[in-house]
Each structure stands twice: as structure tokens, then as C-alpha cells.
Amino acid sequence: MRVAEQLNLALHELLKSDPSVHLLGEDLSDPYGGAFKITKGLSTAFGDRVRSTPLSESAIVGVGAGLALAGDKAIVEIMFADFVTLAFDQLVNFAAKSTTMYGRRVPMPLVVRCPSGGGRGYGPTHSQSPQKHLIGVPGLGVHELSPSTTPVCCSPICCRRASRPCCSRTRSSTPARRSRTASSTTSSASNCSASGPDGRGCS
């Protein structure tokens, strides 16, 4: 199964199992289903919980962070990781800080998924890997899964559906790299971090 198919399946299972999950991003709705078809079929199956948004990364992440702060769970897709810089203030000064600035630990179940890297011929503003700019921010976790020769799944759900041991426990020839796990999460294209009820990513 291709990584894109695994991501689609994981999102489908997450939306199906948890009615508090919302998926936001540009061109996510059917029939387009996102730039890389990760969200294909989801808006048809889950209606208003999968929303195509205006072209404003700051607004998309801000809405997602607001949903998370209000008690729901949000997955935000940035079409290309390059444009996560436009949401830097929402991520660094709102989402990440909201976990600790209210006098008590506040869950922020927010995932920002960012397809990153070159190799597709999309040009200099659609091919960067800006993850390093978010590493080390308190309250923010950065998760990246690099390609490997060993199957690596983005969710144990995928393995259960395929009736096999969870390949996230399989040793990879190119291991995943990640910073400290925290409440708010931003992830690369090949990684799927699902937020649990405590607001932490479970990748």
C-alpha cells in the first residue's frame, strides 16, 4: 500500500471513530481530494467535518488551533510545507504557547500535516523542507518519516486492516527522526500523527 493510501485510510478511520475530529485545508473536498489525493472521499463520507478553506495558511492553522483549544481535535493540511512559514505566528505564538500559558496544562490536539521536499519538479517555492525552523519550540513536536526499504505504516489501524503485525514496530533501514513529542504537532508528508484525547501525537 502506498503512503498516500495509508494516510487516506488512517484519516478515514480516525474521522469515523471520533466525531470530534475536523480536517481543514485547501482543496480537500471531493472531487479533487487534495493536491496529493490524501483526502479523496473524506468530504463525501464525513460532510462538514472535512472543509476546503480559503487560501490563507495563517487562517487555516488559526481555526484548527481554535478548534483544539475549544475541546475538539483538528488536522490541518498545508498543501506544500513551504507555506507553513505563513502560519508561523499561529503555530509558535498561539498553538504551542496555549498548552502552558493558562496556569494549567491545556491539551491542544492539533496536527499540521506538511508535504515537503523536492523531486516532483514543483519549483523553488514548493520543494523545501522547512522543518528545522520549528524544531526546539516548546510545546511543539516535529515528526518526520523518511523513506525506507522496510514497510512503515502511518497508523496501527492500517496494519490491523491488513491483518499483519504493526509495521511501526518494524526496524527501518532509514529510521524516523523526530524532536521531543509535545502537544501541538507538525508533520511531513510521509508521516501521519493522530492526536489522542490528551492532545499528544501518537506517531
N, C-alpha and C. Protein backbone atom coordinates (compact mmCIF):
# COMPACT_ATOMS: atom_id res chain seq x y z
N MET A 1 0.84 -1.19 0.00
CA MET A 1 0.00 0.00 0.00
C MET A 1 0.88 1.25 0.00
N ARG A 2 0.57 2.20 -0.85
CA ARG A 2 1.35 3.42 -0.94
C ARG A 2 1.12 4.29 0.30
N VAL A 3 2.10 5.15 0.60
CA VAL A 3 1.99 6.02 1.77
C VAL A 3 0.73 6.88 1.69
N ALA A 4 0.44 7.41 0.49
CA ALA A 4 -0.76 8.24 0.33
C ALA A 4 -2.02 7.46 0.67
N GLU A 5 -2.07 6.20 0.28
CA GLU A 5 -3.23 5.37 0.58
C GLU A 5 -3.33 5.09 2.08
N GLN A 6 -2.18 4.88 2.72
CA GLN A 6 -2.17 4.66 4.16
C GLN A 6 -2.67 5.89 4.91
N LEU A 7 -2.21 7.07 4.46
CA LEU A 7 -2.66 8.30 5.10
C LEU A 7 -4.17 8.48 4.94
N ASN A 8 -4.67 8.22 3.74
CA ASN A 8 -6.10 8.34 3.48
C ASN A 8 -6.89 7.39 4.36
N LEU A 9 -6.42 6.16 4.48
CA LEU A 9 -7.10 5.16 5.30
C LEU A 9 -7.07 5.55 6.77
N ALA A 10 -5.91 6.03 7.23
CA ALA A 10 -5.78 6.43 8.64
C ALA A 10 -6.72 7.59 8.96
N LEU A 11 -6.80 8.58 8.05
CA LEU A 11 -7.70 9.71 8.26
C LEU A 11 -9.16 9.25 8.26
N HIS A 12 -9.49 8.34 7.35
CA HIS A 12 -10.84 7.82 7.28
C HIS A 12 -11.22 7.13 8.59
N GLU A 13 -10.34 6.29 9.09
CA GLU A 13 -10.62 5.56 10.33
C GLU A 13 -10.71 6.52 11.52
N LEU A 14 -9.86 7.54 11.53
CA LEU A 14 -9.86 8.50 12.63
C LEU A 14 -11.16 9.31 12.64
N LEU A 15 -11.56 9.80 11.47
CA LEU A 15 -12.81 10.57 11.37
C LEU A 15 -14.02 9.70 11.71
N LYS A 16 -13.96 8.44 11.31
CA LYS A 16 -15.07 7.52 11.58
C LYS A 16 -15.19 7.22 13.07
N SER A 17 -14.06 7.07 13.74
CA SER A 17 -14.07 6.64 15.14
C SER A 17 -14.24 7.79 16.12
N ASP A 18 -13.97 9.02 15.68
CA ASP A 18 -14.01 10.15 16.61
C ASP A 18 -14.74 11.33 15.97
N PRO A 19 -15.98 11.59 16.36
CA PRO A 19 -16.77 12.66 15.76
C PRO A 19 -16.28 14.06 16.11
N SER A 20 -15.30 14.18 17.01
CA SER A 20 -14.77 15.50 17.36
C SER A 20 -13.61 15.92 16.47
N VAL A 21 -13.20 15.06 15.52
CA VAL A 21 -12.08 15.37 14.63
C VAL A 21 -12.56 16.17 13.43
N HIS A 22 -11.82 17.24 13.11
CA HIS A 22 -12.08 18.06 11.94
C HIS A 22 -10.84 18.09 11.05
N LEU A 23 -11.04 18.12 9.74
CA LEU A 23 -9.95 18.15 8.78
C LEU A 23 -10.10 19.40 7.93
N LEU A 24 -9.07 20.25 7.91
CA LEU A 24 -9.13 21.53 7.23
C LEU A 24 -7.96 21.68 6.26
N GLY A 25 -8.19 22.35 5.14
CA GLY A 25 -7.10 22.64 4.21
C GLY A 25 -7.63 23.08 2.86
N GLU A 26 -6.71 23.47 2.00
CA GLU A 26 -7.08 23.98 0.68
C GLU A 26 -7.39 22.82 -0.27
N ASP A 27 -8.53 22.90 -0.95
CA ASP A 27 -8.92 21.95 -1.99
C ASP A 27 -9.02 20.50 -1.49
N LEU A 28 -9.44 20.33 -0.27
CA LEU A 28 -9.54 18.97 0.29
C LEU A 28 -10.79 18.24 -0.18
N SER A 29 -11.84 18.98 -0.47
CA SER A 29 -13.14 18.37 -0.75
C SER A 29 -13.14 17.64 -2.08
N ASP A 30 -14.05 16.68 -2.18
CA ASP A 30 -14.25 15.95 -3.44
C ASP A 30 -14.89 16.88 -4.48
N PRO A 31 -14.63 16.69 -5.75
CA PRO A 31 -13.93 15.53 -6.32
C PRO A 31 -12.41 15.64 -6.34
N TYR A 32 -11.84 16.81 -5.95
CA TYR A 32 -10.39 16.99 -6.07
C TYR A 32 -9.64 16.14 -5.04
N GLY A 33 -10.02 16.25 -3.78
CA GLY A 33 -9.42 15.40 -2.76
C GLY A 33 -8.01 15.75 -2.37
N GLY A 34 -7.63 17.01 -2.51
CA GLY A 34 -6.30 17.45 -2.11
C GLY A 34 -5.27 17.31 -3.21
N ALA A 35 -4.20 18.08 -3.11
CA ALA A 35 -3.17 18.11 -4.15
C ALA A 35 -2.54 16.74 -4.36
N PHE A 36 -2.46 15.93 -3.30
CA PHE A 36 -1.84 14.61 -3.40
C PHE A 36 -2.86 13.49 -3.16
N LYS A 37 -4.13 13.86 -3.19
CA LYS A 37 -5.25 12.90 -3.08
C LYS A 37 -5.30 12.20 -1.72
N ILE A 38 -4.72 12.82 -0.71
CA ILE A 38 -4.74 12.22 0.62
C ILE A 38 -6.15 12.23 1.21
N THR A 39 -6.94 13.25 0.84
CA THR A 39 -8.27 13.38 1.44
C THR A 39 -9.39 12.93 0.50
N LYS A 40 -9.05 12.21 -0.54
CA LYS A 40 -10.05 11.77 -1.51
C LYS A 40 -11.13 10.93 -0.82
N GLY A 41 -12.38 11.31 -1.04
CA GLY A 41 -13.51 10.56 -0.50
C GLY A 41 -13.92 10.96 0.91
N LEU A 42 -13.10 11.74 1.60
CA LEU A 42 -13.39 12.05 3.00
C LEU A 42 -14.52 13.05 3.17
N SER A 43 -14.57 14.07 2.30
CA SER A 43 -15.65 15.05 2.43
C SER A 43 -17.00 14.42 2.09
N THR A 44 -16.99 13.47 1.17
CA THR A 44 -18.23 12.76 0.84
C THR A 44 -18.70 11.93 2.02
N ALA A 45 -17.77 11.30 2.71
CA ALA A 45 -18.12 10.42 3.83
C ALA A 45 -18.44 11.17 5.11
N PHE A 46 -17.76 12.32 5.33
CA PHE A 46 -17.87 12.97 6.64
C PHE A 46 -18.37 14.41 6.58
N GLY A 47 -18.81 14.86 5.43
CA GLY A 47 -19.50 16.14 5.32
C GLY A 47 -18.72 17.33 5.82
N ASP A 48 -19.36 18.12 6.68
CA ASP A 48 -18.80 19.39 7.12
C ASP A 48 -17.57 19.27 8.00
N ARG A 49 -17.25 18.06 8.45
CA ARG A 49 -16.03 17.91 9.26
C ARG A 49 -14.78 17.91 8.39
N VAL A 50 -14.95 17.83 7.08
CA VAL A 50 -13.82 17.95 6.14
C VAL A 50 -14.11 19.18 5.29
N ARG A 51 -13.32 20.23 5.49
CA ARG A 51 -13.63 21.51 4.87
C ARG A 51 -12.49 22.02 3.99
N SER A 52 -12.83 22.39 2.78
CA SER A 52 -11.90 23.15 1.94
C SER A 52 -11.95 24.60 2.38
N THR A 53 -10.79 25.19 2.54
CA THR A 53 -10.68 26.53 3.11
C THR A 53 -10.18 27.53 2.07
N PRO A 54 -10.33 28.82 2.37
CA PRO A 54 -9.68 29.84 1.53
C PRO A 54 -8.16 29.69 1.59
N LEU A 55 -7.48 30.32 0.67
CA LEU A 55 -6.03 30.24 0.57
C LEU A 55 -5.41 31.19 1.58
N SER A 56 -5.30 30.74 2.82
CA SER A 56 -4.70 31.52 3.89
C SER A 56 -4.20 30.57 4.97
N GLU A 57 -2.93 30.23 4.89
CA GLU A 57 -2.37 29.25 5.83
C GLU A 57 -2.49 29.72 7.28
N SER A 58 -2.31 31.01 7.51
CA SER A 58 -2.43 31.54 8.87
C SER A 58 -3.84 31.34 9.41
N ALA A 59 -4.84 31.59 8.56
CA ALA A 59 -6.23 31.42 8.99
C ALA A 59 -6.56 29.95 9.21
N ILE A 60 -6.08 29.08 8.33
CA ILE A 60 -6.38 27.65 8.45
C ILE A 60 -5.84 27.10 9.77
N VAL A 61 -4.58 27.40 10.05
CA VAL A 61 -3.96 26.90 11.29
C VAL A 61 -4.60 27.57 12.50
N GLY A 62 -4.96 28.85 12.38
CA GLY A 62 -5.62 29.53 13.48
C GLY A 62 -6.97 28.91 13.82
N VAL A 63 -7.75 28.57 12.79
CA VAL A 63 -9.04 27.90 13.03
C VAL A 63 -8.81 26.53 13.66
N GLY A 64 -7.82 25.78 13.15
CA GLY A 64 -7.52 24.47 13.72
C GLY A 64 -7.11 24.56 15.17
N ALA A 65 -6.27 25.54 15.49
CA ALA A 65 -5.84 25.72 16.88
C ALA A 65 -7.01 26.14 17.76
N GLY A 66 -7.90 26.97 17.22
CA GLY A 66 -9.08 27.36 17.98
C GLY A 66 -10.00 26.19 18.28
N LEU A 67 -10.20 25.32 17.28
CA LEU A 67 -11.00 24.11 17.49
C LEU A 67 -10.38 23.25 18.59
N ALA A 68 -9.05 23.08 18.52
CA ALA A 68 -8.35 22.26 19.51
C ALA A 68 -8.46 22.86 20.90
N LEU A 69 -8.31 24.16 21.01
CA LEU A 69 -8.39 24.83 22.31
C LEU A 69 -9.79 24.74 22.89
N ALA A 70 -10.80 24.69 22.01
CA ALA A 70 -12.19 24.62 22.45
C ALA A 70 -12.64 23.20 22.80
N GLY A 71 -11.77 22.22 22.61
CA GLY A 71 -12.10 20.86 23.02
C GLY A 71 -12.29 19.86 21.90
N ASP A 72 -12.28 20.32 20.64
CA ASP A 72 -12.33 19.40 19.52
C ASP A 72 -10.90 19.00 19.13
N LYS A 73 -10.77 18.26 18.03
CA LYS A 73 -9.46 17.86 17.51
C LYS A 73 -9.38 18.30 16.06
N ALA A 74 -8.23 18.82 15.65
CA ALA A 74 -8.09 19.35 14.30
C ALA A 74 -6.86 18.81 13.61
N ILE A 75 -7.05 18.44 12.34
CA ILE A 75 -5.93 18.09 11.46
C ILE A 75 -5.95 19.11 10.34
N VAL A 76 -4.86 19.82 10.18
CA VAL A 76 -4.75 20.86 9.16
C VAL A 76 -3.74 20.40 8.12
N GLU A 77 -4.11 20.49 6.86
CA GLU A 77 -3.18 20.17 5.78
C GLU A 77 -2.70 21.45 5.11
N ILE A 78 -1.38 21.65 5.15
CA ILE A 78 -0.76 22.73 4.37
C ILE A 78 -0.36 22.09 3.05
N MET A 79 -0.81 22.66 1.93
CA MET A 79 -0.64 22.00 0.63
C MET A 79 0.82 21.69 0.33
N PHE A 80 1.72 22.63 0.61
CA PHE A 80 3.16 22.42 0.49
C PHE A 80 3.81 22.98 1.74
N ALA A 81 4.79 22.26 2.28
CA ALA A 81 5.41 22.66 3.54
C ALA A 81 6.01 24.05 3.49
N ASP A 82 6.41 24.48 2.31
CA ASP A 82 6.99 25.82 2.17
C ASP A 82 6.10 26.88 2.80
N PHE A 83 4.79 26.69 2.71
CA PHE A 83 3.85 27.72 3.13
C PHE A 83 3.49 27.64 4.61
N VAL A 84 4.12 26.71 5.34
CA VAL A 84 3.90 26.69 6.78
C VAL A 84 4.50 27.94 7.41
N THR A 85 5.44 28.58 6.71
CA THR A 85 6.02 29.83 7.24
C THR A 85 4.94 30.91 7.38
N LEU A 86 3.90 30.85 6.56
CA LEU A 86 2.82 31.83 6.65
C LEU A 86 1.95 31.60 7.88
N ALA A 87 2.09 30.43 8.50
CA ALA A 87 1.33 30.12 9.72
C ALA A 87 2.23 30.09 10.95
N PHE A 88 3.43 30.62 10.83
CA PHE A 88 4.41 30.54 11.91
C PHE A 88 3.89 31.18 13.19
N ASP A 89 3.26 32.33 13.08
CA ASP A 89 2.75 33.01 14.27
C ASP A 89 1.69 32.17 14.98
N GLN A 90 0.77 31.58 14.19
CA GLN A 90 -0.28 30.76 14.79
C GLN A 90 0.29 29.52 15.48
N LEU A 91 1.32 28.93 14.87
CA LEU A 91 1.93 27.73 15.45
C LEU A 91 2.77 28.04 16.68
N VAL A 92 3.65 29.03 16.55
CA VAL A 92 4.65 29.30 17.59
C VAL A 92 4.10 30.16 18.72
N ASN A 93 3.32 31.17 18.38
CA ASN A 93 2.86 32.12 19.39
C ASN A 93 1.45 31.84 19.91
N PHE A 94 0.70 30.97 19.22
CA PHE A 94 -0.63 30.64 19.73
C PHE A 94 -0.74 29.17 20.11
N ALA A 95 -0.63 28.28 19.14
CA ALA A 95 -0.86 26.85 19.43
C ALA A 95 0.12 26.31 20.45
N ALA A 96 1.41 26.52 20.23
CA ALA A 96 2.42 25.96 21.12
C ALA A 96 2.33 26.56 22.52
N LYS A 97 2.12 27.85 22.61
CA LYS A 97 2.08 28.51 23.93
C LYS A 97 0.78 28.23 24.67
N SER A 98 -0.29 27.92 23.93
CA SER A 98 -1.57 27.68 24.59
C SER A 98 -1.55 26.46 25.49
N THR A 99 -0.57 25.58 25.31
CA THR A 99 -0.51 24.38 26.15
C THR A 99 -0.14 24.70 27.59
N THR A 100 0.48 25.85 27.83
CA THR A 100 1.01 26.12 29.17
C THR A 100 0.72 27.51 29.72
N MET A 101 0.13 28.41 28.97
CA MET A 101 0.07 29.80 29.43
C MET A 101 -1.22 30.16 30.18
N TYR A 102 -2.04 29.17 30.52
CA TYR A 102 -3.28 29.45 31.22
C TYR A 102 -3.25 29.02 32.69
N GLY A 103 -2.06 28.79 33.20
CA GLY A 103 -1.94 28.41 34.61
C GLY A 103 -2.09 26.93 34.87
N ARG A 104 -2.41 26.17 33.83
CA ARG A 104 -2.51 24.72 33.95
C ARG A 104 -2.24 24.13 32.56
N ARG A 105 -1.94 22.84 32.52
CA ARG A 105 -1.67 22.16 31.26
C ARG A 105 -2.97 22.04 30.45
N VAL A 106 -2.98 22.58 29.25
CA VAL A 106 -4.16 22.56 28.39
C VAL A 106 -3.87 21.69 27.16
N PRO A 107 -4.67 20.66 26.92
CA PRO A 107 -4.46 19.84 25.72
C PRO A 107 -4.69 20.66 24.45
N MET A 108 -3.85 20.46 23.44
CA MET A 108 -4.02 21.09 22.14
C MET A 108 -3.92 20.01 21.07
N PRO A 109 -4.99 19.22 20.87
CA PRO A 109 -4.94 18.14 19.89
C PRO A 109 -5.01 18.68 18.46
N LEU A 110 -3.88 19.16 17.99
CA LEU A 110 -3.75 19.76 16.66
C LEU A 110 -2.63 19.08 15.91
N VAL A 111 -2.91 18.67 14.68
CA VAL A 111 -1.89 18.12 13.79
C VAL A 111 -1.85 18.98 12.54
N VAL A 112 -0.66 19.42 12.16
CA VAL A 112 -0.48 20.16 10.91
C VAL A 112 0.39 19.30 10.00
N ARG A 113 -0.20 18.81 8.92
CA ARG A 113 0.50 17.91 8.01
C ARG A 113 1.03 18.71 6.83
N CYS A 114 2.34 18.54 6.57
CA CYS A 114 3.02 19.38 5.58
C CYS A 114 3.81 18.52 4.59
N PRO A 115 3.30 18.29 3.39
CA PRO A 115 4.10 17.60 2.36
C PRO A 115 5.36 18.41 2.07
N SER A 116 6.51 17.76 2.11
CA SER A 116 7.76 18.52 1.98
C SER A 116 8.77 17.81 1.10
N GLY A 117 9.74 18.58 0.64
CA GLY A 117 10.85 18.04 -0.13
C GLY A 117 10.69 18.19 -1.63
N GLY A 118 11.78 17.97 -2.33
CA GLY A 118 11.78 18.11 -3.78
C GLY A 118 11.52 16.80 -4.49
N GLY A 119 11.91 16.75 -5.74
CA GLY A 119 11.76 15.53 -6.52
C GLY A 119 10.51 15.47 -7.37
N ARG A 120 9.64 16.47 -7.27
CA ARG A 120 8.42 16.48 -8.07
C ARG A 120 8.43 17.56 -9.15
N GLY A 121 9.45 18.38 -9.17
CA GLY A 121 9.56 19.41 -10.21
C GLY A 121 8.63 20.59 -10.02
N TYR A 122 8.28 20.89 -8.76
CA TYR A 122 7.34 21.97 -8.49
C TYR A 122 8.01 23.33 -8.31
N GLY A 123 9.33 23.39 -8.38
CA GLY A 123 9.99 24.68 -8.31
C GLY A 123 10.44 25.06 -6.91
N PRO A 124 11.17 26.18 -6.80
CA PRO A 124 11.85 26.52 -5.55
C PRO A 124 10.93 26.89 -4.40
N THR A 125 9.69 27.30 -4.65
CA THR A 125 8.80 27.67 -3.55
C THR A 125 7.82 26.55 -3.19
N HIS A 126 8.00 25.38 -3.79
CA HIS A 126 7.12 24.24 -3.49
C HIS A 126 7.94 22.98 -3.22
N SER A 127 9.21 23.12 -2.90
CA SER A 127 10.08 21.94 -2.80
C SER A 127 10.98 21.96 -1.56
N GLN A 128 10.74 22.87 -0.64
CA GLN A 128 11.64 22.99 0.51
C GLN A 128 11.22 22.08 1.66
N SER A 129 12.13 21.94 2.60
CA SER A 129 11.88 21.15 3.83
C SER A 129 12.17 22.05 5.03
N PRO A 130 11.19 22.85 5.45
CA PRO A 130 11.44 23.87 6.48
C PRO A 130 11.29 23.38 7.92
N GLN A 131 11.31 22.05 8.13
CA GLN A 131 11.07 21.51 9.46
C GLN A 131 12.00 22.10 10.51
N LYS A 132 13.25 22.36 10.12
CA LYS A 132 14.26 22.79 11.09
C LYS A 132 13.86 24.09 11.79
N HIS A 133 13.05 24.89 11.15
CA HIS A 133 12.66 26.17 11.74
C HIS A 133 11.66 26.00 12.89
N LEU A 134 11.09 24.81 13.03
CA LEU A 134 10.10 24.56 14.08
C LEU A 134 10.64 23.66 15.19
N ILE A 135 11.81 23.07 14.97
CA ILE A 135 12.40 22.19 15.97
C ILE A 135 12.88 23.02 17.16
N GLY A 136 12.60 22.56 18.34
CA GLY A 136 13.05 23.24 19.55
C GLY A 136 12.06 24.23 20.12
N VAL A 137 10.91 24.41 19.48
CA VAL A 137 9.89 25.31 20.01
C VAL A 137 9.15 24.60 21.15
N PRO A 138 9.18 25.15 22.37
CA PRO A 138 8.47 24.49 23.48
C PRO A 138 6.98 24.34 23.17
N GLY A 139 6.45 23.15 23.44
CA GLY A 139 5.05 22.89 23.21
C GLY A 139 4.72 22.46 21.80
N LEU A 140 5.74 22.31 20.95
CA LEU A 140 5.52 21.93 19.55
C LEU A 140 6.37 20.72 19.22
N GLY A 141 5.77 19.69 18.66
CA GLY A 141 6.52 18.50 18.26
C GLY A 141 6.63 18.43 16.76
N VAL A 142 7.79 18.06 16.25
CA VAL A 142 8.01 17.91 14.81
C VAL A 142 8.33 16.45 14.53
N HIS A 143 7.53 15.82 13.66
CA HIS A 143 7.69 14.40 13.35
C HIS A 143 7.91 14.25 11.85
N GLU A 144 8.94 13.49 11.49
CA GLU A 144 9.21 13.26 10.07
C GLU A 144 9.56 11.80 9.84
N LEU A 145 8.93 11.22 8.85
CA LEU A 145 9.24 9.85 8.48
C LEU A 145 9.97 9.84 7.15
N SER A 146 11.19 9.35 7.14
CA SER A 146 11.97 9.29 5.92
C SER A 146 11.70 7.98 5.18
N PRO A 147 11.91 7.96 3.87
CA PRO A 147 11.69 6.72 3.10
C PRO A 147 12.59 5.60 3.61
N SER A 148 12.10 4.37 3.49
CA SER A 148 12.89 3.22 3.90
C SER A 148 12.55 2.04 2.99
N THR A 149 13.36 1.01 3.09
CA THR A 149 13.09 -0.19 2.30
C THR A 149 12.15 -1.13 3.04
N THR A 150 11.96 -0.88 4.34
CA THR A 150 11.06 -1.70 5.13
C THR A 150 9.71 -1.01 5.22
N PRO A 151 8.59 -1.72 5.05
CA PRO A 151 7.28 -1.07 5.15
C PRO A 151 7.11 -0.40 6.51
N VAL A 152 6.74 0.85 6.49
CA VAL A 152 6.48 1.59 7.72
C VAL A 152 5.08 2.17 7.60
N CYS A 153 4.23 1.89 8.57
CA CYS A 153 2.86 2.38 8.45
C CYS A 153 2.68 3.65 9.24
N CYS A 154 1.68 4.43 8.81
CA CYS A 154 1.41 5.69 9.48
C CYS A 154 0.41 5.50 10.60
N SER A 155 -0.16 4.34 10.73
CA SER A 155 -1.15 4.11 11.77
C SER A 155 -1.31 2.62 11.99
N PRO A 156 -1.36 2.18 13.26
CA PRO A 156 -1.63 0.76 13.52
C PRO A 156 -2.93 0.29 12.90
N ILE A 157 -3.86 1.24 12.65
CA ILE A 157 -5.13 0.88 12.02
C ILE A 157 -4.87 0.19 10.68
N CYS A 158 -3.90 0.73 9.92
CA CYS A 158 -3.61 0.16 8.60
C CYS A 158 -3.18 -1.29 8.73
N CYS A 159 -2.36 -1.57 9.73
CA CYS A 159 -1.86 -2.93 9.90
C CYS A 159 -2.97 -3.87 10.34
N ARG A 160 -3.86 -3.37 11.20
CA ARG A 160 -4.98 -4.22 11.61
C ARG A 160 -5.86 -4.58 10.43
N ARG A 161 -6.09 -3.60 9.53
CA ARG A 161 -6.92 -3.86 8.36
C ARG A 161 -6.24 -4.86 7.43
N ALA A 162 -4.91 -4.85 7.42
CA ALA A 162 -4.17 -5.75 6.54
C ALA A 162 -3.83 -7.07 7.22
N SER A 163 -4.28 -7.24 8.49
CA SER A 163 -4.04 -8.47 9.26
C SER A 163 -2.57 -8.83 9.33
N ARG A 164 -1.78 -7.86 9.78
CA ARG A 164 -0.35 -8.10 9.94
C ARG A 164 0.13 -7.39 11.19
N PRO A 165 1.32 -7.76 11.72
CA PRO A 165 1.86 -7.05 12.87
C PRO A 165 2.08 -5.60 12.51
N CYS A 166 1.96 -4.73 13.50
CA CYS A 166 2.11 -3.30 13.22
C CYS A 166 3.53 -3.02 12.75
N CYS A 167 3.63 -2.53 11.50
CA CYS A 167 4.97 -2.31 10.94
C CYS A 167 5.63 -1.06 11.51
N SER A 168 4.91 -0.28 12.35
CA SER A 168 5.58 0.83 13.01
C SER A 168 6.58 0.31 14.04
N ARG A 169 6.45 -1.00 14.36
CA ARG A 169 7.42 -1.62 15.26
C ARG A 169 8.52 -2.34 14.49
N THR A 170 8.43 -2.30 13.16
CA THR A 170 9.44 -2.96 12.34
C THR A 170 10.64 -2.06 12.18
N ARG A 171 11.80 -2.61 12.32
CA ARG A 171 13.02 -1.81 12.20
C ARG A 171 13.16 -1.31 10.77
N SER A 172 13.44 -0.03 10.62
CA SER A 172 13.57 0.60 9.30
C SER A 172 15.04 0.81 8.97
N SER A 173 15.35 0.70 7.67
CA SER A 173 16.72 0.94 7.26
C SER A 173 17.05 2.42 7.34
N THR A 174 16.05 3.28 7.24
CA THR A 174 16.22 4.72 7.41
C THR A 174 15.23 5.15 8.47
N PRO A 175 15.65 5.20 9.74
CA PRO A 175 14.69 5.40 10.82
C PRO A 175 14.06 6.79 10.79
N ALA A 176 12.88 6.86 11.39
CA ALA A 176 12.21 8.15 11.51
C ALA A 176 12.98 9.03 12.47
N ARG A 177 13.00 10.31 12.16
CA ARG A 177 13.65 11.27 13.03
C ARG A 177 12.57 12.15 13.63
N ARG A 178 12.71 12.48 14.91
CA ARG A 178 11.72 13.35 15.50
C ARG A 178 12.30 14.12 16.66
N SER A 179 11.69 15.25 16.95
CA SER A 179 12.06 16.01 18.13
C SER A 179 11.19 15.54 19.28
N ARG A 180 11.31 16.18 20.42
CA ARG A 180 10.54 15.81 21.59
C ARG A 180 9.05 15.88 21.29
N THR A 181 8.32 14.82 21.64
CA THR A 181 6.87 14.81 21.43
C THR A 181 6.23 15.84 22.35
N ALA A 182 5.30 16.62 21.82
CA ALA A 182 4.63 17.63 22.62
C ALA A 182 3.18 17.74 22.19
N SER A 183 2.51 18.78 22.64
CA SER A 183 1.07 18.85 22.46
C SER A 183 0.65 19.17 21.04
N SER A 184 1.25 20.20 20.44
CA SER A 184 0.89 20.55 19.08
C SER A 184 1.89 19.88 18.16
N THR A 185 1.46 19.47 16.99
CA THR A 185 2.30 18.66 16.12
C THR A 185 2.29 19.18 14.71
N THR A 186 3.47 19.22 14.08
CA THR A 186 3.54 19.47 12.66
C THR A 186 4.30 18.32 12.03
N SER A 187 3.86 17.81 10.91
CA SER A 187 4.44 16.59 10.37
C SER A 187 4.70 16.69 8.89
N SER A 188 5.56 15.80 8.41
CA SER A 188 5.89 15.81 6.99
C SER A 188 4.90 14.98 6.20
N ALA A 189 5.06 15.00 4.90
CA ALA A 189 4.09 14.34 4.02
C ALA A 189 3.98 12.85 4.31
N SER A 190 5.11 12.22 4.61
CA SER A 190 5.09 10.77 4.75
C SER A 190 4.81 10.32 6.17
N ASN A 191 4.39 11.23 7.02
CA ASN A 191 4.10 10.87 8.39
C ASN A 191 2.65 11.19 8.72
N CYS A 192 2.02 10.35 9.51
CA CYS A 192 0.66 10.64 9.97
C CYS A 192 0.65 10.61 11.48
N SER A 193 0.45 11.76 12.11
CA SER A 193 0.38 11.83 13.56
C SER A 193 -1.06 12.04 13.95
N ALA A 194 -1.66 11.09 14.61
CA ALA A 194 -3.05 11.23 15.06
C ALA A 194 -3.05 11.68 16.51
N SER A 195 -3.86 12.67 16.82
CA SER A 195 -3.91 13.20 18.17
C SER A 195 -4.83 12.38 19.05
N GLY A 196 -4.38 12.07 20.24
CA GLY A 196 -5.20 11.36 21.20
C GLY A 196 -5.96 12.33 22.09
N PRO A 197 -6.74 11.83 23.02
CA PRO A 197 -7.56 12.68 23.88
C PRO A 197 -6.75 13.59 24.78
N ASP A 198 -5.48 13.23 25.04
CA ASP A 198 -4.65 14.09 25.88
C ASP A 198 -3.94 15.16 25.07
N GLY A 199 -4.20 15.20 23.76
CA GLY A 199 -3.61 16.24 22.94
C GLY A 199 -2.24 15.93 22.41
N ARG A 200 -1.71 14.74 22.68
CA ARG A 200 -0.37 14.40 22.20
C ARG A 200 -0.47 13.60 20.91
N GLY A 201 0.51 13.80 20.04
CA GLY A 201 0.57 12.98 18.83
C GLY A 201 0.88 11.55 19.19
N CYS A 202 0.42 10.60 18.38
CA CYS A 202 0.65 9.19 18.73
C CYS A 202 1.48 8.50 17.66
N SER A 203 2.30 9.25 16.95
CA SER A 203 3.13 8.62 15.92
C SER A 203 4.34 7.97 16.56
